PDB file of N, CA and C in Angstrom:
ATOM      1  N   MET A   1      26.342   7.616 -22.245  1.00  0.00           N
ATOM      2  CA  MET A   1      25.179   6.888 -22.690  1.00  0.00           C
ATOM      3  C   MET A   1      25.631   5.662 -23.465  1.00  0.00           C
ATOM      4  N   ALA A   2      25.229   4.502 -23.062  1.00  0.00           N
ATOM      5  CA  ALA A   2      25.583   3.260 -23.753  1.00  0.00           C
ATOM      6  C   ALA A   2      24.562   2.981 -24.853  1.00  0.00           C
ATOM      7  N   ARG A   3      25.059   2.623 -26.002  1.00  0.00           N
ATOM      8  CA  ARG A   3      24.192   2.283 -27.135  1.00  0.00           C
ATOM      9  C   ARG A   3      24.197   0.773 -27.314  1.00  0.00           C
ATOM     10  N   HIS A   4      23.072   0.256 -27.764  1.00  0.00           N
ATOM     11  CA  HIS A   4      22.952  -1.182 -28.001  1.00  0.00           C
ATOM     12  C   HIS A   4      22.924  -1.516 -29.483  1.00  0.00           C
ATOM     13  N   ALA A   5      22.891  -0.499 -30.318  1.00  0.00           N
ATOM     14  CA  ALA A   5      22.850  -0.710 -31.765  1.00  0.00           C
ATOM     15  C   ALA A   5      23.508   0.484 -32.445  1.00  0.00           C
ATOM     16  N   VAL A   6      23.867   0.297 -33.692  1.00  0.00           N
ATOM     17  CA  VAL A   6      24.394   1.386 -34.508  1.00  0.00           C
ATOM     18  C   VAL A   6      23.192   2.133 -35.075  1.00  0.00           C
ATOM     19  N   HIS A   7      23.154   3.439 -34.887  1.00  0.00           N
ATOM     20  CA  HIS A   7      22.052   4.262 -35.383  1.00  0.00           C
ATOM     21  C   HIS A   7      22.497   4.960 -36.655  1.00  0.00           C
ATOM     22  N   MET A   8      21.641   4.899 -37.675  1.00  0.00           N
ATOM     23  CA  MET A   8      21.986   5.469 -38.979  1.00  0.00           C
ATOM     24  C   MET A   8      20.833   6.287 -39.524  1.00  0.00           C
ATOM     25  N   GLN A   9      21.163   7.225 -40.396  1.00  0.00           N
ATOM     26  CA  GLN A   9      20.174   8.053 -41.076  1.00  0.00           C
ATOM     27  C   GLN A   9      20.333   7.885 -42.578  1.00  0.00           C
ATOM     28  N   ALA A  10      19.232   7.862 -43.301  1.00  0.00           N
ATOM     29  CA  ALA A  10      19.285   7.806 -44.759  1.00  0.00           C
ATOM     30  C   ALA A  10      19.530   9.188 -45.351  1.00  0.00           C
ATOM     31  N   ASP A  11      19.196  10.236 -44.616  1.00  0.00           N
ATOM     32  CA  ASP A  11      19.324  11.611 -45.071  1.00  0.00           C
ATOM     33  C   ASP A  11      20.543  12.256 -44.401  1.00  0.00           C
ATOM     34  N   ILE A  12      21.447  12.822 -45.203  1.00  0.00           N
ATOM     35  CA  ILE A  12      22.691  13.379 -44.678  1.00  0.00           C
ATOM     36  C   ILE A  12      22.441  14.532 -43.703  1.00  0.00           C
ATOM     37  N   SER A  13      21.435  15.368 -43.963  1.00  0.00           N
ATOM     38  CA  SER A  13      21.174  16.491 -43.050  1.00  0.00           C
ATOM     39  C   SER A  13      20.674  15.988 -41.699  1.00  0.00           C
ATOM     40  N   LYS A  14      19.885  14.933 -41.696  1.00  0.00           N
ATOM     41  CA  LYS A  14      19.435  14.345 -40.429  1.00  0.00           C
ATOM     42  C   LYS A  14      20.600  13.685 -39.695  1.00  0.00           C
ATOM     43  N   ALA A  15      21.523  13.121 -40.455  1.00  0.00           N
ATOM     44  CA  ALA A  15      22.710  12.516 -39.826  1.00  0.00           C
ATOM     45  C   ALA A  15      23.509  13.590 -39.099  1.00  0.00           C
ATOM     46  N   TRP A  16      23.672  14.763 -39.737  1.00  0.00           N
ATOM     47  CA  TRP A  16      24.396  15.855 -39.083  1.00  0.00           C
ATOM     48  C   TRP A  16      23.683  16.326 -37.835  1.00  0.00           C
ATOM     49  N   GLN A  17      22.376  16.456 -37.899  1.00  0.00           N
ATOM     50  CA  GLN A  17      21.611  16.883 -36.725  1.00  0.00           C
ATOM     51  C   GLN A  17      21.823  15.909 -35.576  1.00  0.00           C
ATOM     52  N   SER A  18      21.807  14.639 -35.884  1.00  0.00           N
ATOM     53  CA  SER A  18      21.964  13.609 -34.857  1.00  0.00           C
ATOM     54  C   SER A  18      23.355  13.636 -34.235  1.00  0.00           C
ATOM     55  N   THR A  19      24.381  13.672 -35.057  1.00  0.00           N
ATOM     56  CA  THR A  19      25.748  13.604 -34.532  1.00  0.00           C
ATOM     57  C   THR A  19      26.136  14.867 -33.770  1.00  0.00           C
ATOM     58  N   GLU A  20      25.611  16.003 -34.179  1.00  0.00           N
ATOM     59  CA  GLU A  20      25.955  17.248 -33.495  1.00  0.00           C
ATOM     60  C   GLU A  20      25.383  17.319 -32.081  1.00  0.00           C
ATOM     61  N   ARG A  21      24.365  16.528 -31.805  1.00  0.00           N
ATOM     62  CA  ARG A  21      23.825  16.482 -30.449  1.00  0.00           C
ATOM     63  C   ARG A  21      24.753  15.736 -29.500  1.00  0.00           C
ATOM     64  N   TRP A  22      25.558  14.834 -30.026  1.00  0.00           N
ATOM     65  CA  TRP A  22      26.324  13.920 -29.168  1.00  0.00           C
ATOM     66  C   TRP A  22      27.822  14.144 -29.185  1.00  0.00           C
ATOM     67  N   HIS A  23      28.369  14.779 -30.187  1.00  0.00           N
ATOM     68  CA  HIS A  23      29.825  14.870 -30.318  1.00  0.00           C
ATOM     69  C   HIS A  23      30.276  16.308 -30.521  1.00  0.00           C
ATOM     70  N   LYS A  24      31.416  16.654 -29.947  1.00  0.00           N
ATOM     71  CA  LYS A  24      31.974  17.994 -30.112  1.00  0.00           C
ATOM     72  C   LYS A  24      32.580  18.180 -31.496  1.00  0.00           C
ATOM     73  N   ILE A  25      33.178  17.130 -32.042  1.00  0.00           N
ATOM     74  CA  ILE A  25      33.733  17.164 -33.397  1.00  0.00           C
ATOM     75  C   ILE A  25      33.005  16.094 -34.205  1.00  0.00           C
ATOM     76  N   PRO A  26      31.896  16.477 -34.857  1.00  0.00           N
ATOM     77  CA  PRO A  26      31.085  15.472 -35.557  1.00  0.00           C
ATOM     78  C   PRO A  26      31.741  14.957 -36.833  1.00  0.00           C
ATOM     79  N   VAL A  27      31.490  13.691 -37.099  1.00  0.00           N
ATOM     80  CA  VAL A  27      31.923  13.030 -38.325  1.00  0.00           C
ATOM     81  C   VAL A  27      30.775  12.141 -38.769  1.00  0.00           C
ATOM     82  N   VAL A  28      30.481  12.154 -40.060  1.00  0.00           N
ATOM     83  CA  VAL A  28      29.447  11.288 -40.622  1.00  0.00           C
ATOM     84  C   VAL A  28      30.123  10.341 -41.594  1.00  0.00           C
ATOM     85  N   LEU A  29      29.892   9.060 -41.415  1.00  0.00           N
ATOM     86  CA  LEU A  29      30.453   8.041 -42.295  1.00  0.00           C
ATOM     87  C   LEU A  29      29.390   7.555 -43.274  1.00  0.00           C
ATOM     88  N   LYS A  30      29.792   7.280 -44.490  1.00  0.00           N
ATOM     89  CA  LYS A  30      28.880   6.701 -45.471  1.00  0.00           C
ATOM     90  C   LYS A  30      29.008   5.179 -45.364  1.00  0.00           C
ATOM     91  N   ILE A  31      27.874   4.514 -45.204  1.00  0.00           N
ATOM     92  CA  ILE A  31      27.836   3.061 -45.022  1.00  0.00           C
ATOM     93  C   ILE A  31      27.179   2.404 -46.233  1.00  0.00           C
ATOM     94  N   ALA A  32      27.740   1.325 -46.708  1.00  0.00           N
ATOM     95  CA  ALA A  32      27.161   0.562 -47.820  1.00  0.00           C
ATOM     96  C   ALA A  32      26.074  -0.357 -47.270  1.00  0.00           C
ATOM     97  N   ALA A  33      24.977   0.251 -46.841  1.00  0.00           N
ATOM     98  CA  ALA A  33      23.899  -0.494 -46.191  1.00  0.00           C
ATOM     99  C   ALA A  33      23.221  -1.480 -47.139  1.00  0.00           C
ATOM    100  N   SER A  34      23.096  -1.126 -48.406  1.00  0.00           N
ATOM    101  CA  SER A  34      22.467  -2.057 -49.354  1.00  0.00           C
ATOM    102  C   SER A  34      23.313  -3.321 -49.500  1.00  0.00           C
ATOM    103  N   GLU A  35      24.623  -3.165 -49.493  1.00  0.00           N
ATOM    104  CA  GLU A  35      25.517  -4.336 -49.548  1.00  0.00           C
ATOM    105  C   GLU A  35      25.399  -5.161 -48.268  1.00  0.00           C
ATOM    106  N   MET A  36      25.312  -4.473 -47.137  1.00  0.00           N
ATOM    107  CA  MET A  36      25.128  -5.193 -45.872  1.00  0.00           C
ATOM    108  C   MET A  36      23.849  -6.016 -45.912  1.00  0.00           C
ATOM    109  N   ASN A  37      22.776  -5.407 -46.439  1.00  0.00           N
ATOM    110  CA  ASN A  37      21.504  -6.104 -46.533  1.00  0.00           C
ATOM    111  C   ASN A  37      21.615  -7.336 -47.429  1.00  0.00           C
ATOM    112  N   LYS A  38      22.276  -7.178 -48.574  1.00  0.00           N
ATOM    113  CA  LYS A  38      22.480  -8.310 -49.490  1.00  0.00           C
ATOM    114  C   LYS A  38      23.262  -9.432 -48.819  1.00  0.00           C
ATOM    115  N   ASP A  39      24.178  -9.061 -47.922  1.00  0.00           N
ATOM    116  CA  ASP A  39      25.007 -10.051 -47.227  1.00  0.00           C
ATOM    117  C   ASP A  39      24.337 -10.621 -45.982  1.00  0.00           C
ATOM    118  N   GLY A  40      23.089 -10.242 -45.744  1.00  0.00           N
ATOM    119  CA  GLY A  40      22.328 -10.864 -44.667  1.00  0.00           C
ATOM    120  C   GLY A  40      22.233 -10.101 -43.358  1.00  0.00           C
ATOM    121  N   TYR A  41      22.794  -8.907 -43.301  1.00  0.00           N
ATOM    122  CA  TYR A  41      22.665  -8.110 -42.077  1.00  0.00           C
ATOM    123  C   TYR A  41      21.242  -7.581 -41.987  1.00  0.00           C
ATOM    124  N   ARG A  42      20.709  -7.536 -40.799  1.00  0.00           N
ATOM    125  CA  ARG A  42      19.331  -7.106 -40.572  1.00  0.00           C
ATOM    126  C   ARG A  42      19.296  -5.668 -40.061  1.00  0.00           C
ATOM    127  N   PHE A  43      18.270  -4.939 -40.480  1.00  0.00           N
ATOM    128  CA  PHE A  43      18.061  -3.557 -40.078  1.00  0.00           C
ATOM    129  C   PHE A  43      16.657  -3.398 -39.520  1.00  0.00           C
ATOM    130  N   GLY A  44      16.537  -2.456 -38.616  1.00  0.00           N
ATOM    131  CA  GLY A  44      15.230  -2.045 -38.122  1.00  0.00           C
ATOM    132  C   GLY A  44      15.124  -0.547 -38.318  1.00  0.00           C
ATOM    133  N   VAL A  45      13.912  -0.042 -38.262  1.00  0.00           N
ATOM    134  CA  VAL A  45      13.715   1.405 -38.403  1.00  0.00           C
ATOM    135  C   VAL A  45      12.741   1.868 -37.333  1.00  0.00           C
ATOM    136  N   THR A  46      13.064   2.996 -36.705  1.00  0.00           N
ATOM    137  CA  THR A  46      12.224   3.533 -35.644  1.00  0.00           C
ATOM    138  C   THR A  46      11.132   4.415 -36.245  1.00  0.00           C
ATOM    139  N   GLU A  47      10.215   4.846 -35.405  1.00  0.00           N
ATOM    140  CA  GLU A  47       9.127   5.720 -35.857  1.00  0.00           C
ATOM    141  C   GLU A  47       9.632   7.044 -36.414  1.00  0.00           C
ATOM    142  N   ASN A  48      10.767   7.522 -35.915  1.00  0.00           N
ATOM    143  CA  ASN A  48      11.326   8.783 -36.422  1.00  0.00           C
ATOM    144  C   ASN A  48      12.393   8.556 -37.489  1.00  0.00           C
ATOM    145  N   GLU A  49      12.320   7.408 -38.151  1.00  0.00           N
ATOM    146  CA  GLU A  49      13.143   7.073 -39.319  1.00  0.00           C
ATOM    147  C   GLU A  49      14.634   6.943 -39.043  1.00  0.00           C
ATOM    148  N   VAL A  50      14.989   6.476 -37.866  1.00  0.00           N
ATOM    149  CA  VAL A  50      16.377   6.149 -37.557  1.00  0.00           C
ATOM    150  C   VAL A  50      16.553   4.657 -37.831  1.00  0.00           C
ATOM    151  N   TRP A  51      17.513   4.324 -38.669  1.00  0.00           N
ATOM    152  CA  TRP A  51      17.792   2.936 -38.996  1.00  0.00           C
ATOM    153  C   TRP A  51      18.785   2.377 -37.986  1.00  0.00           C
ATOM    154  N   CYS A  52      18.606   1.137 -37.578  1.00  0.00           N
ATOM    155  CA  CYS A  52      19.475   0.513 -36.578  1.00  0.00           C
ATOM    156  C   CYS A  52      19.929  -0.866 -37.044  1.00  0.00           C
ATOM    157  N   THR A  53      21.135  -1.207 -36.646  1.00  0.00           N
ATOM    158  CA  THR A  53      21.673  -2.543 -36.877  1.00  0.00           C
ATOM    159  C   THR A  53      22.624  -2.853 -35.730  1.00  0.00           C
ATOM    160  N   GLU A  54      22.929  -4.099 -35.534  1.00  0.00           N
ATOM    161  CA  GLU A  54      23.772  -4.501 -34.409  1.00  0.00           C
ATOM    162  C   GLU A  54      25.237  -4.135 -34.594  1.00  0.00           C
ATOM    163  N   GLU A  55      25.696  -4.116 -35.836  1.00  0.00           N
ATOM    164  CA  GLU A  55      27.112  -3.821 -36.098  1.00  0.00           C
ATOM    165  C   GLU A  55      27.286  -3.358 -37.533  1.00  0.00           C
ATOM    166  N   VAL A  56      28.397  -2.669 -37.792  1.00  0.00           N
ATOM    167  CA  VAL A  56      28.793  -2.298 -39.146  1.00  0.00           C
ATOM    168  C   VAL A  56      30.253  -2.697 -39.295  1.00  0.00           C
ATOM    169  N   PRO A  57      30.506  -3.837 -39.933  1.00  0.00           N
ATOM    170  CA  PRO A  57      31.898  -4.232 -40.155  1.00  0.00           C
ATOM    171  C   PRO A  57      32.637  -3.188 -41.009  1.00  0.00           C
ATOM    172  N   VAL A  58      33.896  -3.055 -40.794  1.00  0.00           N
ATOM    173  CA  VAL A  58      34.716  -2.038 -41.458  1.00  0.00           C
ATOM    174  C   VAL A  58      34.596  -2.095 -42.976  1.00  0.00           C
ATOM    175  N   LYS A  59      34.447  -3.283 -43.550  1.00  0.00           N
ATOM    176  CA  LYS A  59      34.403  -3.371 -45.017  1.00  0.00           C
ATOM    177  C   LYS A  59      33.200  -2.652 -45.627  1.00  0.00           C
ATOM    178  N   TYR A  60      32.185  -2.309 -44.827  1.00  0.00           N
ATOM    179  CA  TYR A  60      31.009  -1.602 -45.321  1.00  0.00           C
ATOM    180  C   TYR A  60      31.092  -0.090 -45.129  1.00  0.00           C
ATOM    181  N   ILE A  61      32.170   0.388 -44.538  1.00  0.00           N
ATOM    182  CA  ILE A  61      32.365   1.829 -44.395  1.00  0.00           C
ATOM    183  C   ILE A  61      33.027   2.316 -45.665  1.00  0.00           C
ATOM    184  N   CYS A  62      32.322   3.195 -46.384  1.00  0.00           N
ATOM    185  CA  CYS A  62      32.813   3.709 -47.666  1.00  0.00           C
ATOM    186  C   CYS A  62      33.948   4.702 -47.445  1.00  0.00           C
ATOM    187  N   ASP A  63      34.634   5.018 -48.512  1.00  0.00           N
ATOM    188  CA  ASP A  63      35.743   5.961 -48.434  1.00  0.00           C
ATOM    189  C   ASP A  63      35.297   7.370 -48.076  1.00  0.00           C
ATOM    190  N   SER A  64      34.027   7.672 -48.306  1.00  0.00           N
ATOM    191  CA  SER A  64      33.527   9.022 -48.031  1.00  0.00           C
ATOM    192  C   SER A  64      33.354   9.246 -46.534  1.00  0.00           C
ATOM    193  N   VAL A  65      34.040  10.235 -46.015  1.00  0.00           N
ATOM    194  CA  VAL A  65      33.889  10.663 -44.640  1.00  0.00           C
ATOM    195  C   VAL A  65      33.537  12.142 -44.705  1.00  0.00           C
ATOM    196  N   TYR A  66      32.429  12.493 -44.119  1.00  0.00           N
ATOM    197  CA  TYR A  66      31.975  13.874 -44.183  1.00  0.00           C
ATOM    198  C   TYR A  66      32.329  14.592 -42.893  1.00  0.00           C
ATOM    199  N   THR A  67      32.949  15.754 -43.006  1.00  0.00           N
ATOM    200  CA  THR A  67      33.262  16.572 -41.843  1.00  0.00           C
ATOM    201  C   THR A  67      32.784  17.986 -42.131  1.00  0.00           C
ATOM    202  N   LYS A  68      32.610  18.734 -41.072  1.00  0.00           N
ATOM    203  CA  LYS A  68      32.200  20.140 -41.227  1.00  0.00           C
ATOM    204  C   LYS A  68      33.369  21.039 -40.942  1.00  0.00           C
TER     205      LYS A  68
END
């Protein structure tokens, strides 16, 4: 399945639900979305509260990586 945007969740439990549907070894990354917004990156939100953006540059990926 090809994606056209980066899909994000504000709630960690919803992020896990989403990633577990698509990946055998899920990983959830913490993104500094507020900093991205301050720097001019645009976000959209779907009806089911999935946040989307065109890209997430590496500098906005926080040190926190969540694994199960």
